[in-house]
Amino acid sequence: MSGSRPVTPVRAEAVPRYAAETDVLVVGFGCAGAAAAFEAASAGADVLVLERAGGPGGSSALSGGELYLGGGTAVQEACGFEDSADEMFGYLRAALGPHADEEKLRLYCEESVAHFQWFVDRGLTFEPTLWDAPTWMPTTRDGLMWLGENAWPYNEIARPAPRGHRCATEAYGGWLVMEKLVAAAEAAGAVAHADTLATALIVDDAGRVAGVTARRHGEEVAYRARRGVVLTTGGFADNEEMLADHAPHLLAHGRISDGLDDGSGIRMAAALGAATRRMGVVELALTALPALAVRGMLVNGLGQRFINEDVYPGLFSAAALTQPAPYWVIVDEEGYEAVPERERWGVVPRFVSETLEELETELGMPQGALESTVGTYNTYAERGQDPYFHKDARWLRPLKGPFAAVDPRAGFHQGGRPSAGAGTGVAGFTLGGLRTTVDGAVLDVSGAVLPGLFAAGRAASGIHGEGYVSGTSLGDGTFFGRRAGAAAAGG
């Protein structure tokens, strides 16, 4: 998708008429937009939401639906875990770093229990049970899951507690999160115009953002916002030009999106002088199955291990991409059979051999490389140890033939859509965006607030530094979307 469409700001005096006027105009009806619309409407403002697609949801609806929440939620307590905002902050600062936004992150952690209750009050339910194994996506209705908190080195940085909250549905739950949030926003009084593509910001004589121009059903229209405009248009994973400028390493891979994450909101604000942050940061997910990797090992093209396989899968994905390719999951028959068929997601080994010598030949590895790696692993696994990478003893045992190599490039799709580069077995999305305050106000390049303009979700730079954990996009998108909506309603 091209980023060449002009987004030059429009002067208010040049607008002949408005198709509609409202107090708060929200652009984009994903999770951040729904949260912003709900809070603005609940504060008594008239709210209009513009959505370029035929209906709400966006990439949020296609997501797994995990919500990264903690600090002592009711689900955590029901599952027997103690947690605090400080422990949550300690883990996330390390996992989302380096250079996580500590001001936003601290606030997010301190108010996480209240944010959990906000979801419950919107109608989401969470089973008081734990999925107790590494995975991208549980195949059950368990309401809580680990997201790397109990893996080294994070278990030495903060007291481990599972914080991946999942609403009561099997597998992907983003659709259910969006169903509840959209219903809540509409019940609070927000009105949506679908099939409406915002094209530029409207600015009045005082320099305040006063609305947007848009294209609706082929007609050029304009919308006026009396109090504020909230941009919740998503990231820019689908804009080839923006990727080439800011995050070219994503160009070669698949995209996790609804196909409409073209960075339009970021570009409209930047055309007004808005500052951006972390534009080069992306999350890349290797489609290796954690359930298999943790029972065996992840190796690079030279047959070497490079990480403890029980970490959050996004971390072994990032590590794999810095290794000599291709990468493989090596597992023995016992490990493969230990994974229930439903949790294999249709993944089958590409190569199976009785001996490691045969397997490394088939994989094109240096002679003896895989034998050496597995031999060292087995020596220590017999003692319940992993001195090189510190995988938890729960997953350690000697591997015995026959052996299999699973190609991550043939793995399942975590979510999103097939796109250019999908054959690499890696897919991703962008994390950078507009620089905002904790209340969603967009800042210009000098650090001053752009009056009347707010942003949240992947259109903004949120709590992330250079790392990512599942659930933090829906989590910070809704949290800061709420704050942006309330601030915009206050005028």
Protein backbone atom coordinates (compact mmCIF):
# COMPACT_ATOMS: atom_id res chain seq x y z
CA MET A 1 0.00 0.00 0.00
CA SER A 2 1.42 3.39 -0.95
CA GLY A 3 2.01 6.23 1.46
CA SER A 4 1.95 8.88 -1.29
CA ARG A 5 -1.60 10.14 -0.70
CA PRO A 6 -1.36 13.85 0.28
CA VAL A 7 -2.15 14.60 3.93
CA THR A 8 -1.53 18.35 3.93
CA PRO A 9 -3.51 20.06 6.75
CA VAL A 10 -6.58 21.99 5.63
CA ARG A 11 -7.37 25.47 6.95
CA ALA A 12 -10.79 25.70 8.58
CA GLU A 13 -11.76 28.77 6.55
CA ALA A 14 -11.30 26.70 3.37
CA VAL A 15 -13.98 24.20 4.42
CA PRO A 16 -17.32 25.22 2.79
CA ARG A 17 -19.50 22.95 4.93
CA TYR A 18 -19.34 20.07 7.40
CA ALA A 19 -21.09 16.75 6.97
CA ALA A 20 -21.38 16.54 10.74
CA GLU A 21 -20.21 18.29 13.90
CA THR A 22 -19.42 16.65 17.22
CA ASP A 23 -17.53 17.28 20.44
CA VAL A 24 -15.00 14.47 20.04
CA LEU A 25 -14.07 12.89 16.73
CA VAL A 26 -12.37 9.49 16.97
CA VAL A 27 -10.61 8.26 13.83
CA GLY A 28 -10.38 4.46 13.80
CA PHE A 29 -12.62 1.91 15.51
CA GLY A 30 -10.18 -0.69 16.84
CA CYS A 31 -9.56 -1.30 20.52
CA ALA A 32 -8.02 2.14 21.22
CA GLY A 33 -10.77 3.92 19.29
CA ALA A 34 -13.53 2.01 21.05
CA ALA A 35 -11.99 2.77 24.46
CA ALA A 36 -11.59 6.45 23.60
CA ALA A 37 -15.15 6.69 22.28
CA PHE A 38 -16.57 5.03 25.38
CA GLU A 39 -14.78 7.30 27.83
CA ALA A 40 -15.50 10.47 25.88
CA ALA A 41 -19.19 9.61 25.59
CA SER A 42 -19.34 8.57 29.23
CA ALA A 43 -17.97 12.00 30.14
CA GLY A 44 -20.96 13.58 28.44
CA ALA A 45 -19.43 14.50 25.10
CA ASP A 46 -21.03 13.96 21.74
CA VAL A 47 -18.80 11.38 20.02
CA LEU A 48 -18.49 10.41 16.38
CA VAL A 49 -16.19 7.58 15.26
CA LEU A 50 -14.93 7.37 11.68
CA GLU A 51 -13.93 3.92 10.41
CA ARG A 52 -12.49 3.40 6.94
CA ALA A 53 -13.58 -0.26 6.75
CA GLY A 54 -17.13 -1.51 6.49
CA GLY A 55 -17.37 -1.98 10.25
CA PRO A 56 -15.40 -1.76 13.49
CA GLY A 57 -12.70 -4.13 14.68
CA GLY A 58 -9.55 -3.51 12.68
CA SER A 59 -6.43 -5.47 13.51
CA SER A 60 -7.59 -5.69 17.13
CA ALA A 61 -10.43 -8.02 16.15
CA LEU A 62 -7.99 -10.37 14.40
CA SER A 63 -5.63 -10.56 17.38
CA GLY A 64 -5.31 -13.34 19.89
CA GLY A 65 -7.17 -11.24 22.42
CA GLU A 66 -4.61 -11.46 25.23
CA LEU A 67 -4.63 -8.56 27.66
CA TYR A 68 -1.45 -7.99 29.65
CA LEU A 69 -2.76 -7.11 33.10
CA GLY A 70 -1.49 -7.70 36.61
CA GLY A 71 -0.79 -6.22 40.01
CA GLY A 72 -3.23 -8.58 41.72
CA THR A 73 -6.29 -9.06 39.53
CA ALA A 74 -9.16 -11.27 40.62
CA VAL A 75 -8.07 -13.95 38.13
CA GLN A 76 -4.52 -13.96 39.46
CA GLU A 77 -5.78 -14.28 43.03
CA ALA A 78 -8.19 -17.07 42.07
CA CYS A 79 -5.28 -18.98 40.53
CA GLY A 80 -3.21 -18.55 43.71
CA PHE A 81 -0.73 -15.88 42.57
CA GLU A 82 0.34 -12.80 44.47
CA ASP A 83 1.35 -9.83 42.34
CA SER A 84 2.00 -6.13 42.68
CA ALA A 85 2.38 -3.11 40.45
CA ASP A 86 6.09 -3.00 41.31
CA GLU A 87 6.71 -6.63 40.27
CA MET A 88 4.72 -6.10 37.08
CA PHE A 89 6.72 -2.97 36.32
CA GLY A 90 10.01 -4.76 36.97
CA TYR A 91 9.21 -7.51 34.48
CA LEU A 92 7.78 -5.26 31.78
CA ARG A 93 10.59 -2.73 32.01
CA ALA A 94 13.02 -5.55 31.23
CA ALA A 95 10.87 -7.41 28.70
CA LEU A 96 9.72 -4.31 26.79
CA GLY A 97 13.14 -2.68 26.88
CA PRO A 98 15.59 -1.38 26.33
CA HIS A 99 14.23 2.16 26.40
CA ALA A 100 10.66 1.37 27.47
CA ASP A 101 8.61 4.48 28.23
CA GLU A 102 8.84 4.30 32.02
CA GLU A 103 6.37 7.11 32.74
CA LYS A 104 3.63 5.43 30.73
CA LEU A 105 4.64 1.97 31.92
CA ARG A 106 4.56 2.95 35.61
CA LEU A 107 1.08 4.40 35.25
CA TYR A 108 -0.11 1.37 33.29
CA CYS A 109 1.10 -1.00 36.01
CA GLU A 110 -0.23 1.07 38.91
CA GLU A 111 -3.72 1.16 37.39
CA SER A 112 -3.72 -2.36 35.92
CA VAL A 113 -6.12 -3.86 38.46
CA ALA A 114 -8.60 -1.05 37.81
CA HIS A 115 -8.14 -1.53 34.06
CA PHE A 116 -8.92 -5.23 34.45
CA GLN A 117 -12.13 -4.32 36.27
CA TRP A 118 -12.97 -1.91 33.45
CA PHE A 119 -12.97 -4.85 31.03
CA VAL A 120 -15.14 -6.88 33.38
CA ASP A 121 -17.56 -3.98 33.65
CA ARG A 122 -17.74 -3.88 29.84
CA GLY A 123 -18.96 -7.49 29.86
CA LEU A 124 -15.83 -9.59 29.38
CA THR A 125 -15.51 -12.69 31.53
CA PHE A 126 -12.32 -14.52 32.50
CA GLU A 127 -12.19 -18.12 33.68
CA PRO A 128 -10.27 -18.44 37.00
CA THR A 129 -7.92 -21.10 35.60
CA LEU A 130 -4.32 -21.14 34.38
CA TRP A 131 -2.77 -22.43 31.15
CA ASP A 132 0.55 -23.62 32.56
CA ALA A 133 2.83 -24.13 29.55
CA PRO A 134 4.60 -22.03 26.91
CA THR A 135 2.37 -21.29 23.93
CA TRP A 136 1.37 -18.63 21.46
CA MET A 137 -2.29 -19.34 21.98
CA PRO A 138 -4.02 -21.71 24.44
CA THR A 139 -6.65 -23.97 22.90
CA THR A 140 -8.80 -23.80 26.03
CA ARG A 141 -10.91 -21.21 27.85
CA ASP A 142 -8.29 -20.71 30.60
CA GLY A 143 -8.34 -17.10 31.73
CA LEU A 144 -4.66 -16.77 32.63
CA MET A 145 -1.39 -17.70 30.91
CA TRP A 146 2.34 -17.21 31.36
CA LEU A 147 4.06 -14.79 29.01
CA GLY A 148 7.67 -15.41 29.94
CA GLU A 149 7.53 -14.11 33.51
CA ASN A 150 8.77 -17.45 34.89
CA ALA A 151 11.70 -17.84 32.47
CA TRP A 152 15.30 -16.83 33.01
CA PRO A 153 16.52 -14.09 33.37
CA TYR A 154 13.16 -12.46 34.12
CA ASN A 155 12.42 -14.76 37.05
CA GLU A 156 15.47 -13.21 38.75
CA ILE A 157 14.43 -9.63 37.95
CA ALA A 158 10.88 -9.76 39.32
CA ARG A 159 8.80 -12.27 41.25
CA PRO A 160 7.11 -14.40 38.59
CA ALA A 161 3.36 -14.17 38.16
CA PRO A 162 1.32 -14.97 35.04
CA ARG A 163 -0.30 -11.84 33.61
CA GLY A 164 -1.68 -12.89 30.25
CA HIS A 165 -5.45 -12.47 30.70
CA ARG A 166 -7.74 -14.13 28.19
CA CYS A 167 -11.49 -13.63 27.88
CA ALA A 168 -13.60 -16.77 27.98
CA THR A 169 -13.26 -18.11 24.46
CA GLU A 170 -11.11 -20.76 22.86
CA ALA A 171 -8.13 -19.75 20.69
CA TYR A 172 -8.38 -16.26 19.20
CA GLY A 173 -10.34 -13.80 21.32
CA GLY A 174 -9.75 -10.40 19.73
CA TRP A 175 -13.15 -10.50 18.08
CA LEU A 176 -14.86 -10.91 21.46
CA VAL A 177 -12.89 -8.08 23.05
CA MET A 178 -13.93 -5.81 20.20
CA GLU A 179 -17.54 -6.99 20.29
CA LYS A 180 -17.84 -5.92 23.92
CA LEU A 181 -15.97 -2.64 23.53
CA VAL A 182 -17.91 -1.55 20.46
CA ALA A 183 -21.20 -2.37 22.18
CA ALA A 184 -20.10 -0.37 25.23
CA ALA A 185 -19.10 2.65 23.14
CA GLU A 186 -22.38 2.63 21.25
CA ALA A 187 -24.40 2.16 24.44
CA ALA A 188 -22.63 5.18 25.90
CA GLY A 189 -23.83 7.22 22.94
CA ALA A 190 -20.98 7.11 20.41
CA VAL A 191 -22.08 7.06 16.76
CA ALA A 192 -19.99 5.47 14.01
CA HIS A 193 -19.64 6.29 10.32
CA ALA A 194 -18.18 3.30 8.48
CA ASP A 195 -16.61 3.34 5.00
CA THR A 196 -15.18 6.76 5.85
CA LEU A 197 -11.48 7.36 5.20
CA ALA A 198 -9.98 10.36 7.00
CA THR A 199 -7.60 12.17 4.64
CA ALA A 200 -6.26 15.26 6.47
CA LEU A 201 -6.53 17.29 9.65
CA ILE A 202 -8.45 20.57 9.71
CA VAL A 203 -6.79 23.41 11.63
CA ASP A 204 -8.45 26.67 12.74
CA ASP A 205 -6.96 30.20 12.86
CA ALA A 206 -5.58 29.63 16.37
CA GLY A 207 -3.67 26.53 15.24
CA ARG A 208 -6.04 24.13 16.96
CA VAL A 209 -7.06 20.85 15.31
CA ALA A 210 -10.75 21.33 14.58
CA GLY A 211 -11.70 18.23 12.57
CA VAL A 212 -10.77 16.13 9.56
CA THR A 213 -11.49 15.90 5.88
CA ALA A 214 -12.56 12.47 4.67
CA ARG A 215 -13.74 10.42 1.72
CA ARG A 216 -17.09 8.70 2.27
CA HIS A 217 -18.81 6.63 -0.40
CA GLY A 218 -16.68 8.37 -3.03
CA GLU A 219 -17.61 11.85 -1.80
CA GLU A 220 -15.20 14.38 -0.23
CA VAL A 221 -16.62 15.46 3.14
CA ALA A 222 -15.48 17.23 6.29
CA TYR A 223 -16.17 16.66 9.99
CA ARG A 224 -15.84 19.27 12.72
CA ALA A 225 -14.66 18.46 16.24
CA ARG A 226 -15.49 21.10 18.83
CA ARG A 227 -13.25 19.66 21.57
CA GLY A 228 -10.73 17.28 20.04
CA VAL A 229 -9.72 14.69 17.47
CA VAL A 230 -8.39 11.31 18.65
CA LEU A 231 -6.28 9.36 16.14
CA THR A 232 -6.54 5.60 16.68
CA THR A 233 -5.77 4.54 13.12
CA GLY A 234 -3.26 1.77 13.89
CA GLY A 235 0.36 1.32 12.84
CA PHE A 236 2.04 1.34 9.43
CA ALA A 237 2.84 -2.31 8.72
CA ASP A 238 0.93 -2.11 5.42
CA ASN A 239 2.66 1.01 4.11
CA GLU A 240 5.65 -0.08 2.04
CA GLU A 241 7.03 3.44 1.74
CA MET A 242 6.90 4.12 5.47
CA LEU A 243 8.49 0.75 6.19
CA ALA A 244 11.29 1.52 3.75
CA ASP A 245 11.88 4.82 5.54
CA HIS A 246 11.60 3.65 9.14
CA ALA A 247 11.55 -0.14 9.55
CA PRO A 248 12.94 -1.77 6.39
CA HIS A 249 13.65 -5.08 8.13
CA LEU A 250 9.89 -5.76 8.17
CA LEU A 251 9.63 -5.52 4.38
CA ALA A 252 10.89 -9.08 3.88
CA HIS A 253 8.35 -10.63 6.23
CA GLY A 254 4.62 -11.17 6.59
CA ARG A 255 2.36 -8.66 8.33
CA ILE A 256 0.04 -9.16 11.27
CA SER A 257 -2.75 -6.75 10.46
CA ASP A 258 -6.12 -6.36 8.77
CA GLY A 259 -4.43 -4.96 5.68
CA LEU A 260 -5.35 -1.35 6.49
CA ASP A 261 -2.53 -0.37 8.85
CA ASP A 262 -1.14 2.22 6.45
CA GLY A 263 0.09 4.83 8.93
CA SER A 264 -2.44 7.41 7.76
CA GLY A 265 -3.02 8.89 11.22
CA ILE A 266 0.72 9.18 11.86
CA ARG A 267 1.24 10.91 8.53
CA MET A 268 -1.66 13.34 9.02
CA ALA A 269 -0.29 14.42 12.40
CA ALA A 270 3.32 14.55 11.18
CA ALA A 271 2.22 16.90 8.40
CA LEU A 272 1.18 19.27 11.18
CA GLY A 273 4.57 19.02 12.90
CA ALA A 274 3.87 16.15 15.26
CA ALA A 275 6.83 14.27 16.70
CA THR A 276 7.20 10.52 16.34
CA ARG A 277 8.96 7.99 18.51
CA ARG A 278 10.34 4.44 18.12
CA MET A 279 9.41 4.31 14.43
CA GLY A 280 12.04 1.67 13.73
CA VAL A 281 10.76 -0.77 16.35
CA VAL A 282 8.72 -3.75 15.19
CA GLU A 283 7.57 -7.01 16.71
CA LEU A 284 8.55 -10.05 14.65
CA ALA A 285 7.06 -13.45 15.45
CA LEU A 286 8.68 -16.68 14.30
CA THR A 287 5.98 -19.28 13.69
CA ALA A 288 7.74 -21.96 15.70
CA LEU A 289 5.50 -23.78 18.14
CA PRO A 290 6.61 -23.11 21.73
CA ALA A 291 5.11 -26.43 22.86
CA LEU A 292 7.57 -28.27 20.61
CA ALA A 293 10.55 -25.96 21.12
CA VAL A 294 10.38 -26.18 24.90
CA ARG A 295 10.42 -29.99 24.75
CA GLY A 296 13.46 -29.94 22.49
CA MET A 297 15.62 -27.10 21.33
CA LEU A 298 15.76 -24.24 18.87
CA VAL A 299 18.94 -24.24 16.78
CA ASN A 300 20.40 -22.05 14.08
CA GLY A 301 21.74 -23.09 10.69
CA LEU A 302 25.00 -24.20 12.31
CA GLY A 303 23.23 -26.55 14.70
CA GLN A 304 23.79 -24.35 17.75
CA ARG A 305 21.34 -23.41 20.49
CA PHE A 306 21.08 -19.68 21.19
CA ILE A 307 18.37 -19.15 23.84
CA ASN A 308 16.34 -20.87 26.55
CA GLU A 309 13.27 -22.16 24.75
CA ASP A 310 10.84 -21.48 27.62
CA VAL A 311 11.01 -17.67 27.21
CA TYR A 312 8.14 -15.66 25.78
CA PRO A 313 8.01 -16.85 22.13
CA GLY A 314 8.46 -13.34 20.80
CA LEU A 315 11.87 -13.26 22.45
CA PHE A 316 13.09 -16.45 20.84
CA SER A 317 11.71 -15.06 17.57
CA ALA A 318 13.83 -11.92 17.88
CA ALA A 319 16.87 -13.97 18.87
CA ALA A 320 16.42 -16.36 15.94
CA LEU A 321 16.49 -13.53 13.42
CA THR A 322 20.00 -12.57 14.52
CA GLN A 323 21.32 -16.11 13.99
CA PRO A 324 22.74 -17.87 10.92
CA ALA A 325 19.71 -19.11 8.99
CA PRO A 326 17.81 -21.33 8.62
CA TYR A 327 16.60 -22.10 12.14
CA TRP A 328 15.00 -25.36 13.27
CA VAL A 329 13.13 -26.87 16.17
CA ILE A 330 14.82 -30.15 17.05
CA VAL A 331 12.67 -32.56 19.01
CA ASP A 332 12.64 -36.29 19.66
CA GLU A 333 9.70 -38.65 19.32
CA GLU A 334 8.83 -38.53 23.00
CA GLY A 335 8.75 -34.73 22.98
CA TYR A 336 6.62 -34.58 19.84
CA GLU A 337 4.12 -37.13 21.12
CA ALA A 338 3.88 -35.29 24.44
CA VAL A 339 2.19 -32.36 22.68
CA PRO A 340 -1.56 -33.03 22.30
CA GLU A 341 -2.55 -33.15 18.64
CA ARG A 342 -4.82 -30.12 18.96
CA GLU A 343 -1.91 -28.06 20.27
CA ARG A 344 0.31 -28.96 17.30
CA TRP A 345 -1.77 -26.69 15.06
CA GLY A 346 -1.26 -29.09 12.15
CA VAL A 347 2.53 -28.72 12.27
CA VAL A 348 4.46 -31.84 11.26
CA PRO A 349 8.23 -32.44 11.12
CA ARG A 350 9.93 -31.75 7.81
CA PHE A 351 12.78 -34.21 8.44
CA VAL A 352 12.88 -37.34 10.61
CA SER A 353 16.04 -39.40 11.14
CA GLU A 354 17.15 -42.20 13.41
CA THR A 355 20.44 -40.49 14.19
CA LEU A 356 21.67 -36.94 14.64
CA GLU A 357 24.37 -37.58 12.07
CA GLU A 358 21.72 -38.30 9.43
CA LEU A 359 19.62 -35.32 10.51
CA GLU A 360 22.43 -32.79 10.34
CA THR A 361 23.31 -34.05 6.86
CA GLU A 362 19.72 -33.54 5.71
CA LEU A 363 19.72 -30.05 7.24
CA GLY A 364 23.03 -29.09 5.65
CA MET A 365 24.73 -28.45 8.98
CA PRO A 366 28.47 -28.85 9.62
CA GLN A 367 29.39 -32.43 10.40
CA GLY A 368 29.16 -33.16 14.10
CA ALA A 369 27.58 -29.80 14.98
CA LEU A 370 24.16 -31.07 15.98
CA GLU A 371 25.65 -34.13 17.65
CA SER A 372 27.81 -31.86 19.78
CA THR A 373 24.92 -29.58 20.70
CA VAL A 374 22.55 -32.38 21.67
CA GLY A 375 25.33 -34.27 23.45
CA THR A 376 26.14 -31.29 25.67
CA TYR A 377 22.44 -30.63 26.27
CA ASN A 378 21.83 -34.26 27.27
CA THR A 379 24.79 -34.37 29.63
CA TYR A 380 23.41 -31.56 31.72
CA ALA A 381 19.73 -32.45 31.23
CA GLU A 382 20.39 -35.73 33.04
CA ARG A 383 21.28 -33.59 36.06
CA GLY A 384 18.31 -31.26 35.58
CA GLN A 385 20.61 -28.42 34.56
CA ASP A 386 21.04 -26.03 31.63
CA PRO A 387 24.13 -23.97 32.51
CA TYR A 388 24.33 -22.33 29.08
CA PHE A 389 20.78 -20.97 28.77
CA HIS A 390 19.00 -21.78 32.06
CA LYS A 391 15.86 -23.43 30.72
CA ASP A 392 13.63 -24.45 33.60
CA ALA A 393 14.27 -27.96 34.91
CA ARG A 394 10.62 -28.80 34.24
CA TRP A 395 11.44 -29.04 30.54
CA LEU A 396 14.82 -30.72 30.76
CA ARG A 397 15.42 -34.36 29.84
CA PRO A 398 17.89 -36.10 27.51
CA LEU A 399 16.74 -36.28 23.89
CA LYS A 400 16.79 -39.76 22.31
CA GLY A 401 16.36 -40.91 18.71
CA PRO A 402 14.54 -40.87 16.43
CA PHE A 403 14.88 -37.12 15.99
CA ALA A 404 12.81 -34.63 14.02
CA ALA A 405 13.45 -31.17 12.63
CA VAL A 406 10.45 -28.84 12.41
CA ASP A 407 10.71 -25.94 9.97
CA PRO A 408 9.26 -22.76 11.54
CA ARG A 409 8.63 -21.41 8.05
CA ALA A 410 5.90 -24.03 7.67
CA GLY A 411 4.31 -23.16 11.00
CA PHE A 412 0.85 -21.93 11.86
CA HIS A 413 -0.23 -18.29 11.51
CA GLN A 414 -0.68 -16.56 14.85
CA GLY A 415 -3.08 -14.07 13.34
CA GLY A 416 -3.41 -11.34 10.78
CA ARG A 417 -3.30 -11.93 7.05
CA PRO A 418 -0.96 -13.49 4.50
CA SER A 419 1.21 -10.86 2.81
CA ALA A 420 4.49 -10.29 1.03
CA GLY A 421 7.25 -12.16 2.79
CA ALA A 422 4.90 -14.55 4.60
CA GLY A 423 6.94 -17.50 3.33
CA THR A 424 9.80 -16.61 5.67
CA GLY A 425 7.89 -18.04 8.62
CA VAL A 426 8.09 -14.62 10.28
CA ALA A 427 5.36 -12.00 10.53
CA GLY A 428 5.25 -8.70 12.36
CA PHE A 429 3.80 -5.28 13.01
CA THR A 430 5.06 -1.84 13.96
CA LEU A 431 5.28 -0.41 17.48
CA GLY A 432 6.39 3.17 16.88
CA GLY A 433 4.10 6.12 16.36
CA LEU A 434 3.19 9.62 17.45
CA ARG A 435 4.77 10.98 20.59
CA THR A 436 2.09 11.61 23.19
CA THR A 437 1.64 12.50 26.84
CA VAL A 438 0.17 9.96 29.26
CA ASP A 439 -3.20 11.56 28.48
CA GLY A 440 -2.81 11.05 24.76
CA ALA A 441 -2.07 14.65 23.77
CA VAL A 442 0.11 14.67 20.65
CA LEU A 443 3.38 16.59 20.98
CA ASP A 444 5.09 18.51 18.22
CA VAL A 445 8.81 18.32 17.41
CA SER A 446 9.57 21.03 19.98
CA GLY A 447 7.79 19.12 22.74
CA ALA A 448 4.71 21.36 22.84
CA VAL A 449 1.16 20.01 22.77
CA LEU A 450 -0.68 20.26 19.45
CA PRO A 451 -4.02 21.72 20.65
CA GLY A 452 -7.05 19.55 20.00
CA LEU A 453 -5.10 16.49 18.83
CA PHE A 454 -4.82 13.18 20.67
CA ALA A 455 -3.67 9.67 19.74
CA ALA A 456 -3.54 6.17 21.18
CA GLY A 457 -2.97 2.55 20.17
CA ARG A 458 -0.44 1.70 17.50
CA ALA A 459 -0.82 5.15 15.95
CA ALA A 460 1.07 6.34 19.04
CA SER A 461 4.27 5.27 20.75
CA GLY A 462 3.05 3.54 23.89
CA ILE A 463 4.76 1.68 26.70
CA HIS A 464 7.17 -0.26 24.48
CA GLY A 465 10.87 0.24 24.04
CA GLU A 466 12.52 -2.25 21.73
CA GLY A 467 10.73 -5.31 23.12
CA TYR A 468 7.23 -6.72 23.10
CA VAL A 469 5.01 -9.12 25.06
CA SER A 470 1.63 -10.41 23.88
CA GLY A 471 -1.28 -8.50 25.34
CA THR A 472 0.55 -5.20 25.62
CA SER A 473 -0.96 -3.83 22.39
CA LEU A 474 -4.58 -4.40 23.41
CA GLY A 475 -3.59 -3.48 26.95
CA ASP A 476 -1.91 -0.15 26.35
CA GLY A 477 -4.16 0.66 23.38
CA THR A 478 -7.28 0.51 25.51
CA PHE A 479 -5.65 2.04 28.61
CA PHE A 480 -4.27 5.10 26.85
CA GLY A 481 -7.25 5.18 24.51
CA ARG A 482 -9.42 5.64 27.57
CA ARG A 483 -7.24 8.48 28.82
CA ALA A 484 -7.15 10.15 25.41
CA GLY A 485 -10.93 9.99 25.10
CA ALA A 486 -11.46 11.47 28.55
CA ALA A 487 -8.92 14.23 27.90
CA ALA A 488 -10.48 15.09 24.53
CA ALA A 489 -13.92 15.26 26.12
CA GLY A 490 -12.52 17.79 28.58
CA GLY A 491 -11.69 20.03 25.65
